[in-house]
Amino acid sequence: MIRGNGVTKAFADTVLLDKVDFLIGEGKKIGLVGRNGCGKTTLMKMIVGEEEITAGFIDREGAKIAYIPQEFDFPDIAVGDY
């Protein structure tokens, strides 16, 4: 299970995510959908621990997370092999 509570992300004077709560149940598969610039990639990076959280917390203890980033540095590897 992955749980976020009060997750906030701010860049300088811009608040991208403000006190977001979420729960992803054990064994669930999710997709993040939204308009450009709304914080989908940033939220995913925070869930996997690649991006710092401004406030709140994400508990991912024991969770198995599979994530293919939007951009990656493996030009000689097919996405399916990555």
Protein backbone atom coordinates (compact mmCIF):
# COMPACT_ATOMS: atom_id res chain seq x y z
CA MET A 1 0.00 0.00 0.00
CA ILE A 2 1.19 3.51 -0.79
CA ARG A 3 -0.30 6.38 1.17
CA GLY A 4 0.20 10.11 0.77
CA ASN A 5 -0.99 12.59 3.37
CA GLY A 6 -0.88 16.36 2.93
CA VAL A 7 1.61 16.06 0.08
CA THR A 8 2.68 19.52 -1.03
CA LYS A 9 5.22 20.50 -3.68
CA ALA A 10 6.28 24.08 -4.27
CA PHE A 11 8.88 25.53 -6.62
CA ALA A 12 9.91 29.01 -5.41
CA ASP A 13 6.60 30.96 -5.29
CA THR A 14 4.59 28.39 -7.28
CA VAL A 15 2.64 25.69 -5.43
CA LEU A 16 2.18 22.75 -7.80
CA LEU A 17 0.53 20.28 -5.40
CA ASP A 18 -1.22 21.51 -2.25
CA LYS A 19 -2.06 19.11 0.61
CA VAL A 20 -2.85 16.12 -1.62
CA ASP A 21 -4.05 12.92 0.08
CA PHE A 22 -4.12 9.56 -1.72
CA LEU A 23 -4.19 5.82 -1.07
CA ILE A 24 -3.11 3.15 -3.54
CA GLY A 25 -4.20 -0.27 -2.30
CA GLU A 26 -1.94 -3.31 -2.29
CA GLY A 27 -1.73 -4.95 -5.72
CA LYS A 28 -3.42 -2.04 -7.51
CA LYS A 29 -2.18 -0.59 -10.77
CA ILE A 30 -2.73 3.10 -11.43
CA GLY A 31 -2.29 5.71 -14.12
CA LEU A 32 -1.93 9.45 -13.62
CA VAL A 33 -4.03 11.51 -16.00
CA GLY A 34 -4.29 15.29 -16.27
CA ARG A 35 -3.45 18.37 -18.29
CA ASN A 36 0.12 19.40 -19.07
CA GLY A 37 1.88 21.01 -16.14
CA CYS A 38 -0.54 19.86 -13.43
CA GLY A 39 2.08 17.81 -11.55
CA LYS A 40 1.67 14.21 -12.79
CA THR A 41 5.37 13.57 -13.35
CA THR A 42 6.36 15.43 -10.19
CA LEU A 43 3.91 13.37 -8.11
CA MET A 44 5.21 10.12 -9.61
CA LYS A 45 8.80 11.16 -8.91
CA MET A 46 7.84 11.92 -5.30
CA ILE A 47 6.12 8.53 -4.96
CA VAL A 48 9.26 6.69 -6.14
CA GLY A 49 11.53 8.92 -4.06
CA GLU A 50 13.29 10.80 -6.89
CA GLU A 51 11.85 14.20 -5.93
CA GLU A 52 11.75 15.89 -2.52
CA ILE A 53 8.41 16.68 -0.89
CA THR A 54 7.90 20.25 0.34
CA ALA A 55 5.43 19.17 3.06
CA GLY A 56 3.43 16.10 4.09
CA PHE A 57 4.60 12.54 3.65
CA ILE A 58 4.40 9.49 1.41
CA ASP A 59 4.50 6.06 3.04
CA ARG A 60 5.59 3.40 0.54
CA GLU A 61 7.02 0.87 2.99
CA GLY A 62 6.90 -2.61 1.52
CA ALA A 63 5.44 -1.38 -1.78
CA LYS A 64 6.69 -2.69 -5.11
CA ILE A 65 6.74 0.17 -7.61
CA ALA A 66 7.36 -0.17 -11.35
CA TYR A 67 7.92 3.12 -13.12
CA ILE A 68 9.10 4.06 -16.59
CA PRO A 69 10.15 7.71 -16.60
CA GLN A 70 8.96 10.10 -19.26
CA GLU A 71 12.56 10.54 -20.42
CA PHE A 72 15.46 8.18 -19.83
CA ASP A 73 19.12 7.89 -20.83
CA PHE A 74 19.21 4.45 -22.43
CA PRO A 75 19.06 5.11 -26.18
CA ASP A 76 20.16 1.58 -27.13
CA ILE A 77 17.51 -0.21 -25.01
CA ALA A 78 13.91 -0.75 -26.06
CA VAL A 79 11.27 0.47 -23.60
CA GLY A 80 10.07 -3.11 -23.09
CA ASP A 81 13.60 -4.17 -22.09
CA TYR A 82 13.98 -1.19 -19.74
